[in-house]
Every structure is written in structure tokens, then in C-alpha cells.
Amino acid sequence: MSQPIFASNAAPPGQSWQASLPHWHAVNDTLRGGSSSSALRILDDGAALFSGFLDTTTLGGAGFASQAYQQPLPVPLSAAKHAGLCLTVRRAAPAAGASNSPLPNQQQQQPGGGRAPVSAFVLTLRTEEPAMRPDGRRESVIAYEFRFELPAEADAPLVLHAPWHAFEPHYRGRPKPDAPPLRPQDVKACSFMARSDFGSQSGDFALRLVELATLPLKEEKPAAMHVAEQVSLVSSEASASQASHRSSATGEKAASLYSSSPPRSVLPLQDAESAARLRTEACGFTLYLLMTLLALLWLLWALLPDRALRALGVGWYPARHWAFLIPAWSAIAVLATYAMFLARNLSKQASIDDLSVLVDSHANIMPASSPASDEKNPLDIASLRETGAENHAFSGDLYALPPGVVSAHRFHFGER
């Protein structure tokens, strides 16, 4: 079942928004000289309100405002237990007078310099701890982003299902397709962000965060619940134009998954493992059907008389004796292959008197007899066959003995 991570009244190990509030910190474009701002506060019903002002004029079209939870989530994530994250949000009206545009007296179509109001947000997961620069700023790291957009006409809560593969890797706001896929168990931080997308949106924004929870691997859908899945940026013509411009400017793919009736839900997409398993099963079943068909054709070719094949409309086919020669030769080839491998292994097998069949490079092996000396090695089999016993006493060391030497010492074969 779903496990709340942050909610109004989250059961342990989850946390309420109120309890987690000290761990949320503003990470805005002011780090780079921008003028955007953000804040996170708790509402009367226990939900969290992510709000602020998104400016694009100071940084020439760029801008972002976010609230980051820069430590591991209270609920450990796992791809083996969870299919993704489930985020429940709701549109909220910006507070009166919340705008802090750096150019309040300049006549502009949209506060903050963008082309449209803020409607798109990003849930970001990070699996790396960013290093600190000498100036106190954090180095940029790969962020895995799930982008969603609130429809302008909707006021009911939206339940967004974000499977793991929907978190796309980005670096400094741009897609990074060569990055490794998200590993949920390595998540070290998360954040909610409003981003200008290079001038596409700006101004005051407010997002009501109701709940962030884990998405179970298998979720039952009530039969009476109307569930719709929609992958789009907007539903109106103006918003579609905005999405087209954003896509051409940034090359990003944004997805908004929501339905039309409260409480709304979205069918979770298949995770990558399930898709791979289905492809494997489909390939295996196709191969099974193909081999069955080939076996049936082979039997018809081998067993049916010529008149029956001609009656079926088959005017040409290979000579019938090949139907028996090919299997017979194949069986002989398999047996010959086994025999060749067995013979090769036997030819490569060391003699029973070779220490390589018994020891490795760390063994203590007695040195062989020296040709310049008349003294014979006490473990030399030839010496044992001549004398039937050792020529002199052992030195007291422990040696690795070949099986042939052990037999010679044990049974004293050779002439005495």
C-alpha cells in the first residue's frame, strides 16, 4: 500500500509538513545573482503552501525558485517495493501583494518578464551530495525531474503518479540523456521548483502541497472511479502555443498526468522491469510458435506421400531423403563434437605425478634432483623404484606430494 512521506498527518516513518518544515530551505536563482524568491509555510489544514515570485528579467530570461529538502527522505525508497511517487497537489491563489518584481514601474505584459503565468512545476530528486565551492555555493549535480502542469480551470486536488522512469535526468536545467537511470534507494534530497524555462513563464505562483507518498507496485483501481490519463502540457490553445515554444527552446519533454473528476487519479505507467519482462515473454512465445510451425512442416515433408503434397498445391520440395539425412547427420555431429571435446580435455590433462593436479602456486614443493649431484631427491619416484626406500632422511619441512609419490611411499613398489 501507499506510504505517506509528507502529509498533514503522516504515520511514521513519514512526517507531517509541519514537522519537516525546519528541513526545507529556499534555493533560488539569487545564488547566481537573480531576483526570484520562494517560501514554504503551513496552512491551517496542515498542508504546505509553496509560493513565491519567479523573475526572468535579472538573468536575461532564466530564473528559478525552489524549496529543497536536503537530506534523505524519512521513508526509504526502493525500486523493489515502490513503483514511484504519488503527489497530491492543488492550485492556490497567490497572496495579494506577493509580487516582488524587480521592475515594478515598467509596463510589461506579464510580471517577471515571462510570456505566461506560472503553471508548470517540477518535483526533483537528487542522488548525489553536491560539493561546496570555495565561495560557499554548491556545485551542480544531476537532478532527476518529474514535470507537471496545473490546468488553469482546475481547482480540485490533482493526484499525480510519477513512476521512476518518468524522472528524467537533467543537468543545470537541460536534459542529460547519457546519465544513468534513477536509483530510488540512492535518493539524498528532493525539492519543488518553479522554473522559467528560459522566459516561458514568470510572476507570482502558489502551489498547495497536500501529500507526497510512495506509489505501490500494484495498485487496484476502484471500478466506479473514472480514471483518465493525459500526457500533455496544456488543454487550451494559448497554453499549447506556450508549450510548443518551451519545447523548442529547451528540448525538454514535460508530462502532466491528471484526470477530470475529484478525487482524481492517474493510472501508473508500467515500470521498466515489467516492460522488459513482457518483451521477453512475447519473444519467447513467438519463438515457440515458430519452432512448432517448423516442426509441423518438417513432419509433413517427411511423412506425407508425394500425391498428398501435390494435392495440397506443393509443386516443389527437396528430395525426401534429406528429411532423414539431416537429423541423422546432426545427431552424429553432436556426438562427434562431444567426443572431440572429451579427447581434447584428456590430452590436456596433466599426469598423475604432476603437482599441478594437486597444488597451486603457493605450495611448498621439494626441488628436483640436481643433475650435477649424485645425491637423489628422497621423493624421486625413480629413486624409490631403485631402492624401495628414501635415500636419506627428510629435512623436516612440509611438502606437497604428487599422488604417485604418495603411492610409492605407501606401498613401496619397485624392487628391493
Protein backbone atom coordinates (compact mmCIF):
# COMPACT_ATOMS: atom_id res chain seq x y z
CA MET A 1 0.00 0.00 0.00
CA SER A 2 0.97 3.63 -0.36
CA GLN A 3 3.20 5.05 2.40
CA PRO A 4 2.93 8.81 3.02
CA ILE A 5 6.29 10.58 3.08
CA PHE A 6 5.00 14.10 3.78
CA ALA A 7 1.34 14.77 4.61
CA SER A 8 -0.86 16.66 7.04
CA ASN A 9 -0.99 13.67 9.39
CA ALA A 10 1.59 11.20 8.10
CA ALA A 11 2.08 7.96 10.02
CA PRO A 12 5.67 7.12 10.99
CA PRO A 13 8.17 6.84 9.44
CA GLY A 14 6.57 9.61 7.36
CA GLN A 15 6.50 13.20 8.60
CA SER A 16 3.89 15.88 8.68
CA TRP A 17 4.60 19.02 6.68
CA GLN A 18 4.79 20.88 9.99
CA ALA A 19 7.44 18.55 11.43
CA SER A 20 9.52 18.65 8.25
CA LEU A 21 9.35 22.43 7.84
CA PRO A 22 12.74 23.15 9.54
CA HIS A 23 14.48 20.94 6.96
CA TRP A 24 13.13 22.82 3.92
CA HIS A 25 15.34 25.61 2.62
CA ALA A 26 14.98 28.13 -0.20
CA VAL A 27 17.25 27.53 -3.20
CA ASN A 28 16.57 30.35 -5.65
CA ASP A 29 18.35 31.99 -8.56
CA THR A 30 19.66 34.59 -6.12
CA LEU A 31 22.63 32.22 -5.81
CA ARG A 32 23.51 33.31 -9.36
CA GLY A 33 22.52 36.92 -9.00
CA GLY A 34 18.81 36.53 -9.80
CA SER A 35 15.77 38.07 -8.12
CA SER A 36 13.32 35.14 -7.74
CA SER A 37 12.03 34.18 -4.31
CA SER A 38 10.21 31.28 -2.70
CA ALA A 39 8.79 30.24 0.65
CA LEU A 40 7.15 27.24 2.28
CA ARG A 41 4.60 27.70 5.01
CA ILE A 42 2.00 25.53 6.72
CA LEU A 43 -1.71 26.16 6.19
CA ASP A 44 -4.48 25.72 8.75
CA ASP A 45 -5.40 22.25 7.48
CA GLY A 46 -1.80 21.02 7.78
CA ALA A 47 -0.97 21.19 4.08
CA ALA A 48 2.10 23.09 2.84
CA LEU A 49 1.98 26.11 0.57
CA PHE A 50 4.87 26.54 -1.89
CA SER A 51 4.72 30.11 -3.12
CA GLY A 52 6.90 32.94 -4.36
CA PHE A 53 7.79 35.08 -7.33
CA LEU A 54 9.56 33.87 -10.48
CA ASP A 55 11.62 36.53 -12.25
CA THR A 56 13.32 36.32 -15.65
CA THR A 57 14.47 39.88 -16.18
CA THR A 58 17.58 39.89 -13.99
CA LEU A 59 19.25 36.86 -15.58
CA GLY A 60 18.13 37.55 -19.13
CA GLY A 61 15.30 35.04 -19.44
CA ALA A 62 16.44 32.44 -16.93
CA GLY A 63 15.14 32.06 -13.41
CA PHE A 64 14.09 29.52 -10.81
CA ALA A 65 12.67 29.38 -7.31
CA SER A 66 12.60 26.21 -5.23
CA GLN A 67 12.27 24.73 -1.77
CA ALA A 68 14.70 21.85 -1.14
CA TYR A 69 14.66 19.09 1.45
CA GLN A 70 18.40 18.50 1.50
CA GLN A 71 18.62 15.22 3.37
CA PRO A 72 17.39 11.64 2.86
CA LEU A 73 13.63 11.26 2.85
CA PRO A 74 12.04 9.95 6.08
CA VAL A 75 10.67 6.95 4.16
CA PRO A 76 13.43 4.93 2.42
CA LEU A 77 12.69 4.49 -1.27
CA SER A 78 13.23 1.23 -3.14
CA ALA A 79 12.58 0.16 -6.72
CA ALA A 80 11.80 -3.34 -5.39
CA LYS A 81 8.99 -2.07 -3.14
CA HIS A 82 7.71 1.07 -4.83
CA ALA A 83 6.72 1.85 -8.41
CA GLY A 84 7.35 5.57 -7.99
CA LEU A 85 5.95 8.55 -6.09
CA CYS A 86 2.38 9.82 -5.74
CA LEU A 87 1.99 13.59 -5.38
CA THR A 88 -1.29 15.26 -4.42
CA VAL A 89 -1.36 18.98 -5.16
CA ARG A 90 -3.90 21.74 -5.60
CA ARG A 91 -3.84 25.13 -7.24
CA ALA A 92 -3.73 28.02 -4.80
CA ALA A 93 -4.18 31.71 -5.46
CA PRO A 94 -1.04 33.83 -4.87
CA ALA A 95 -1.29 36.08 -1.83
CA ALA A 96 -2.26 39.65 -2.50
CA GLY A 97 0.76 41.85 -2.84
CA ALA A 98 3.11 38.89 -3.03
CA SER A 99 4.72 40.10 -6.22
CA ASN A 100 8.22 41.44 -5.81
CA SER A 101 9.09 42.12 -9.42
CA PRO A 102 12.40 43.96 -9.65
CA LEU A 103 10.83 46.30 -12.24
CA PRO A 104 7.52 47.35 -10.63
CA ASN A 105 7.18 50.55 -12.63
CA GLN A 106 7.95 49.06 -16.02
CA GLN A 107 4.94 48.31 -18.19
CA GLN A 108 5.11 44.65 -19.06
CA GLN A 109 2.55 42.15 -20.22
CA GLN A 110 3.48 39.57 -17.59
CA PRO A 111 5.13 40.30 -14.20
CA GLY A 112 8.66 38.95 -14.11
CA GLY A 113 9.28 39.26 -17.84
CA GLY A 114 7.92 35.89 -18.94
CA ARG A 115 5.38 35.11 -21.62
CA ALA A 116 2.75 33.44 -19.41
CA PRO A 117 1.83 32.95 -15.74
CA VAL A 118 3.45 30.16 -13.77
CA SER A 119 1.58 26.88 -14.23
CA ALA A 120 4.36 24.26 -14.55
CA PHE A 121 6.29 22.87 -11.60
CA VAL A 122 9.00 20.28 -11.12
CA LEU A 123 9.50 17.61 -8.46
CA THR A 124 13.23 16.92 -8.33
CA LEU A 125 15.18 14.02 -6.79
CA ARG A 126 18.95 14.06 -6.32
CA THR A 127 21.17 11.04 -5.70
CA GLU A 128 24.45 12.91 -5.15
CA GLU A 129 25.69 15.24 -2.44
CA PRO A 130 26.78 18.44 -4.21
CA ALA A 131 30.29 19.58 -3.39
CA MET A 132 30.83 23.05 -1.94
CA ARG A 133 32.73 25.67 -3.88
CA PRO A 134 35.26 27.97 -2.21
CA ASP A 135 32.72 30.82 -2.45
CA GLY A 136 30.19 28.79 -0.46
CA ARG A 137 27.97 27.83 -3.40
CA ARG A 138 27.09 24.25 -4.23
CA GLU A 139 28.35 22.51 -7.34
CA SER A 140 25.72 21.44 -9.86
CA VAL A 141 24.83 17.74 -9.93
CA ILE A 142 22.50 15.60 -11.99
CA ALA A 143 18.86 16.07 -10.96
CA TYR A 144 16.02 13.70 -11.85
CA GLU A 145 12.94 15.77 -12.67
CA PHE A 146 9.25 14.96 -12.87
CA ARG A 147 7.46 17.85 -14.51
CA PHE A 148 3.77 18.50 -14.10
CA GLU A 149 1.42 21.35 -15.01
CA LEU A 150 -1.74 22.57 -13.35
CA PRO A 151 -4.65 23.24 -15.71
CA ALA A 152 -5.91 26.79 -15.39
CA GLU A 153 -9.55 25.78 -15.00
CA ALA A 154 -8.98 23.11 -12.33
CA ASP A 155 -9.47 23.80 -8.63
CA ALA A 156 -9.87 20.23 -7.29
CA PRO A 157 -6.91 18.23 -5.94
CA LEU A 158 -4.75 16.54 -8.55
CA VAL A 159 -3.27 13.12 -7.81
CA LEU A 160 -0.13 12.77 -9.92
CA HIS A 161 1.54 9.39 -10.35
CA ALA A 162 5.25 9.65 -11.07
CA PRO A 163 6.80 6.23 -11.89
CA TRP A 164 10.58 6.05 -11.53
CA HIS A 165 11.21 6.12 -15.27
CA ALA A 166 9.26 9.39 -15.52
CA PHE A 167 12.04 11.17 -13.59
CA GLU A 168 14.27 12.40 -16.39
CA PRO A 169 17.92 13.31 -15.74
CA HIS A 170 18.82 16.98 -16.13
CA TYR A 171 21.98 18.97 -15.56
CA ARG A 172 21.64 22.71 -14.97
CA GLY A 173 18.11 22.65 -16.35
CA ARG A 174 18.91 20.83 -19.56
CA PRO A 175 18.24 17.14 -20.38
CA LYS A 176 21.17 14.78 -19.94
CA PRO A 177 20.22 11.60 -21.83
CA ASP A 178 23.56 9.86 -21.17
CA ALA A 179 23.04 9.93 -17.39
CA PRO A 180 22.28 6.64 -15.59
CA PRO A 181 18.63 5.95 -14.69
CA LEU A 182 17.33 6.94 -11.30
CA ARG A 183 18.17 4.61 -8.40
CA PRO A 184 15.47 5.34 -5.79
CA GLN A 185 17.48 3.81 -2.96
CA ASP A 186 20.21 6.42 -3.53
CA VAL A 187 17.96 9.48 -3.22
CA LYS A 188 19.57 12.01 -0.87
CA ALA A 189 17.41 15.12 -1.43
CA CYS A 190 14.22 16.34 -3.07
CA SER A 191 12.80 19.73 -4.00
CA PHE A 192 9.82 21.52 -5.51
CA MET A 193 10.71 24.06 -8.16
CA ALA A 194 9.11 26.71 -10.33
CA ARG A 195 11.35 27.34 -13.35
CA SER A 196 11.07 29.98 -16.05
CA ASP A 197 12.10 27.62 -18.85
CA PHE A 198 14.03 30.46 -20.42
CA GLY A 199 11.29 33.06 -20.31
CA SER A 200 8.26 30.82 -20.87
CA GLN A 201 6.62 31.66 -17.53
CA SER A 202 7.08 34.13 -14.68
CA GLY A 203 5.25 36.02 -11.95
CA ASP A 204 3.60 35.09 -8.68
CA PHE A 205 2.94 31.40 -8.05
CA ALA A 206 1.34 29.30 -5.33
CA LEU A 207 1.12 25.52 -5.13
CA ARG A 208 -0.70 23.71 -2.34
CA LEU A 209 1.19 20.53 -1.38
CA VAL A 210 -1.29 18.06 0.12
CA GLU A 211 0.71 14.80 0.20
CA LEU A 212 3.83 13.17 -1.15
CA ALA A 213 3.68 9.37 -0.86
CA THR A 214 5.18 6.22 -2.34
CA LEU A 215 3.43 4.56 -5.25
CA PRO A 216 2.79 0.83 -4.69
CA LEU A 217 3.98 -1.62 -7.31
CA LYS A 218 0.46 -2.86 -7.99
CA GLU A 219 -2.47 -0.57 -7.42
CA GLU A 220 -6.09 -1.64 -7.55
CA LYS A 221 -8.41 0.83 -9.31
CA PRO A 222 -11.99 1.07 -7.98
CA ALA A 223 -14.45 0.12 -10.69
CA ALA A 224 -16.62 3.16 -10.00
CA MET A 225 -13.75 5.64 -10.22
CA HIS A 226 -13.37 7.42 -13.52
CA VAL A 227 -9.66 7.44 -14.32
CA ALA A 228 -8.17 9.35 -17.21
CA GLU A 229 -4.58 9.54 -18.32
CA GLN A 230 -3.45 12.60 -20.17
CA VAL A 231 0.12 13.30 -21.27
CA SER A 232 0.20 16.91 -22.40
CA LEU A 233 1.32 20.30 -21.29
CA VAL A 234 -1.97 22.14 -21.61
CA SER A 235 -5.52 21.83 -22.83
CA SER A 236 -6.20 25.31 -24.21
CA GLU A 237 -4.88 26.78 -27.44
CA ALA A 238 -2.87 29.51 -25.72
CA SER A 239 -1.21 27.07 -23.35
CA ALA A 240 -0.45 24.73 -26.26
CA SER A 241 1.38 27.56 -28.00
CA GLN A 242 3.31 28.19 -24.81
CA ALA A 243 4.23 24.51 -24.51
CA SER A 244 5.41 24.41 -28.13
CA HIS A 245 7.70 27.35 -27.55
CA ARG A 246 9.03 25.85 -24.35
CA SER A 247 9.76 22.54 -26.08
CA SER A 248 11.64 24.21 -28.92
CA ALA A 249 13.60 26.43 -26.52
CA THR A 250 14.72 23.84 -24.01
CA GLY A 251 14.32 20.45 -25.71
CA GLU A 252 12.58 19.14 -22.62
CA LYS A 253 9.61 16.82 -22.53
CA ALA A 254 7.07 17.69 -19.85
CA ALA A 255 4.20 15.43 -18.82
CA SER A 256 1.13 16.22 -16.82
CA LEU A 257 -0.88 13.24 -15.65
CA TYR A 258 -4.28 14.04 -14.26
CA SER A 259 -7.97 13.16 -14.53
CA SER A 260 -11.18 15.11 -14.56
CA SER A 261 -13.27 14.19 -11.53
CA PRO A 262 -12.39 14.69 -7.85
CA PRO A 263 -10.80 12.81 -6.26
CA ARG A 264 -8.75 12.34 -9.41
CA SER A 265 -6.26 9.62 -10.03
CA VAL A 266 -3.98 8.51 -12.82
CA LEU A 267 -3.09 5.02 -13.92
CA PRO A 268 0.60 4.40 -13.18
CA LEU A 269 2.71 3.64 -16.23
CA GLN A 270 4.48 0.27 -16.44
CA ASP A 271 7.89 0.30 -14.90
CA ALA A 272 10.90 -0.63 -16.97
CA GLU A 273 11.24 -4.08 -15.41
CA SER A 274 7.64 -5.02 -16.23
CA ALA A 275 8.05 -3.80 -19.81
CA ALA A 276 11.25 -5.81 -20.23
CA ARG A 277 9.56 -8.91 -18.81
CA LEU A 278 6.65 -8.53 -21.21
CA ARG A 279 9.01 -8.19 -24.17
CA THR A 280 10.86 -11.33 -23.10
CA GLU A 281 7.64 -13.29 -22.75
CA ALA A 282 6.44 -12.09 -26.15
CA CYS A 283 9.71 -13.08 -27.83
CA GLY A 284 9.66 -16.48 -26.15
CA PHE A 285 6.09 -17.19 -27.19
CA THR A 286 6.81 -16.09 -30.76
CA LEU A 287 9.83 -18.40 -30.90
CA TYR A 288 7.72 -21.25 -29.54
CA LEU A 289 5.10 -20.77 -32.27
CA LEU A 290 7.78 -20.54 -34.96
CA MET A 291 9.51 -23.75 -33.88
CA THR A 292 6.17 -25.54 -33.64
CA LEU A 293 5.34 -24.47 -37.18
CA LEU A 294 8.74 -25.60 -38.48
CA ALA A 295 8.36 -28.98 -36.77
CA LEU A 296 4.91 -29.42 -38.31
CA LEU A 297 6.21 -28.56 -41.79
CA TRP A 298 9.11 -30.97 -41.31
CA LEU A 299 6.78 -33.82 -40.38
CA LEU A 300 4.51 -33.13 -43.37
CA TRP A 301 7.53 -33.07 -45.69
CA ALA A 302 8.98 -36.28 -44.25
CA LEU A 303 5.82 -38.38 -43.88
CA LEU A 304 3.26 -37.33 -46.47
CA PRO A 305 3.42 -39.16 -49.81
CA ASP A 306 4.10 -37.20 -52.98
CA ARG A 307 0.49 -37.32 -54.16
CA ALA A 308 -0.69 -35.78 -50.88
CA LEU A 309 1.80 -32.89 -51.19
CA ARG A 310 0.73 -32.27 -54.77
CA ALA A 311 -2.91 -32.33 -53.66
CA LEU A 312 -2.04 -29.57 -51.20
CA GLY A 313 -0.66 -27.47 -54.03
CA VAL A 314 3.04 -28.03 -53.25
CA GLY A 315 4.73 -28.33 -56.63
CA TRP A 316 8.37 -28.40 -55.49
CA TYR A 317 10.11 -29.58 -52.35
CA PRO A 318 13.57 -31.01 -51.57
CA ALA A 319 14.25 -34.70 -52.05
CA ARG A 320 12.58 -36.78 -49.35
CA HIS A 321 15.76 -38.50 -48.18
CA TRP A 322 17.09 -35.18 -46.81
CA ALA A 323 14.34 -35.25 -44.21
CA PHE A 324 16.13 -38.23 -42.63
CA LEU A 325 19.76 -37.49 -43.52
CA ILE A 326 19.83 -34.02 -41.92
CA PRO A 327 18.64 -35.22 -38.46
CA ALA A 328 20.94 -38.25 -38.63
CA TRP A 329 23.97 -36.18 -39.59
CA SER A 330 23.12 -33.59 -36.96
CA ALA A 331 23.00 -36.27 -34.25
CA ILE A 332 26.34 -37.69 -35.41
CA ALA A 333 27.83 -34.18 -35.47
CA VAL A 334 26.72 -33.58 -31.89
CA LEU A 335 28.21 -36.88 -30.71
CA ALA A 336 31.43 -36.20 -32.61
CA THR A 337 31.67 -32.76 -31.02
CA TYR A 338 31.32 -34.24 -27.54
CA ALA A 339 33.96 -36.87 -28.39
CA MET A 340 36.40 -34.22 -29.69
CA PHE A 341 35.99 -32.09 -26.58
CA LEU A 342 36.50 -35.14 -24.36
CA ALA A 343 39.63 -36.14 -26.27
CA ARG A 344 40.99 -32.58 -26.11
CA ASN A 345 40.42 -32.41 -22.36
CA LEU A 346 42.13 -35.76 -21.85
CA SER A 347 45.11 -34.65 -23.96
CA LYS A 348 45.45 -31.51 -21.85
CA GLN A 349 45.16 -33.39 -18.56
CA ALA A 350 48.40 -33.49 -16.57
CA SER A 351 49.97 -36.75 -15.46
CA ILE A 352 49.03 -38.16 -12.10
CA ASP A 353 52.60 -37.47 -10.96
CA ASP A 354 52.31 -33.77 -11.86
CA LEU A 355 51.88 -31.46 -8.91
CA SER A 356 49.63 -29.18 -10.95
CA VAL A 357 46.74 -31.59 -10.40
CA LEU A 358 47.06 -31.10 -6.65
CA VAL A 359 48.55 -27.74 -5.68
CA ASP A 360 48.68 -24.08 -6.66
CA SER A 361 51.48 -21.52 -6.81
CA HIS A 362 51.62 -21.23 -3.00
CA ALA A 363 52.55 -24.88 -2.41
CA ASN A 364 55.87 -25.90 -0.83
CA ILE A 365 57.40 -28.20 -3.46
CA MET A 366 60.63 -30.11 -2.86
CA PRO A 367 63.24 -29.15 -5.52
CA ALA A 368 64.08 -31.74 -8.13
CA SER A 369 67.35 -33.73 -8.06
CA SER A 370 70.32 -31.80 -9.30
CA PRO A 371 71.95 -33.31 -12.42
CA ALA A 372 75.38 -32.24 -11.16
CA SER A 373 74.99 -34.09 -7.89
CA ASP A 374 74.95 -37.81 -7.21
CA GLU A 375 72.51 -37.27 -4.39
CA LYS A 376 68.96 -38.15 -5.34
CA ASN A 377 65.84 -36.45 -4.23
CA PRO A 378 64.22 -38.55 -1.47
CA LEU A 379 60.83 -38.10 -3.19
CA ASP A 380 62.05 -39.04 -6.65
CA ILE A 381 59.93 -41.93 -7.94
CA ALA A 382 62.81 -43.36 -9.96
CA SER A 383 64.94 -43.46 -6.80
CA LEU A 384 62.15 -45.17 -4.93
CA ARG A 385 61.84 -47.80 -7.65
CA GLU A 386 65.57 -48.45 -7.46
CA THR A 387 65.96 -48.61 -3.68
CA GLY A 388 62.42 -49.10 -2.40
CA ALA A 389 63.06 -46.50 0.31
CA GLU A 390 64.30 -42.99 0.86
CA ASN A 391 67.98 -42.29 0.21
CA HIS A 392 68.22 -40.02 3.20
CA ALA A 393 66.02 -38.52 5.87
CA PHE A 394 63.64 -35.70 5.17
CA SER A 395 64.65 -32.25 6.28
CA GLY A 396 61.54 -31.85 8.42
CA ASP A 397 59.68 -29.39 6.17
CA LEU A 398 56.14 -29.93 4.93
CA TYR A 399 55.93 -30.57 1.19
CA ALA A 400 53.17 -31.01 -1.35
CA LEU A 401 53.44 -34.60 -2.61
CA PRO A 402 52.31 -35.90 -6.01
CA PRO A 403 49.82 -38.76 -5.81
CA GLY A 404 52.37 -41.09 -7.45
CA VAL A 405 54.93 -40.35 -4.73
CA VAL A 406 52.34 -40.98 -2.03
CA SER A 407 51.56 -44.37 -3.56
CA ALA A 408 55.27 -45.19 -3.85
CA HIS A 409 55.88 -44.40 -0.18
CA ARG A 410 52.77 -46.13 0.95
CA PHE A 411 53.14 -49.41 -0.95
CA HIS A 412 56.94 -49.43 -1.69
CA PHE A 413 56.52 -50.55 -5.28
CA GLY A 414 59.83 -51.28 -7.03
CA GLU A 415 62.47 -53.85 -6.48
CA ARG A 416 64.13 -54.00 -3.06
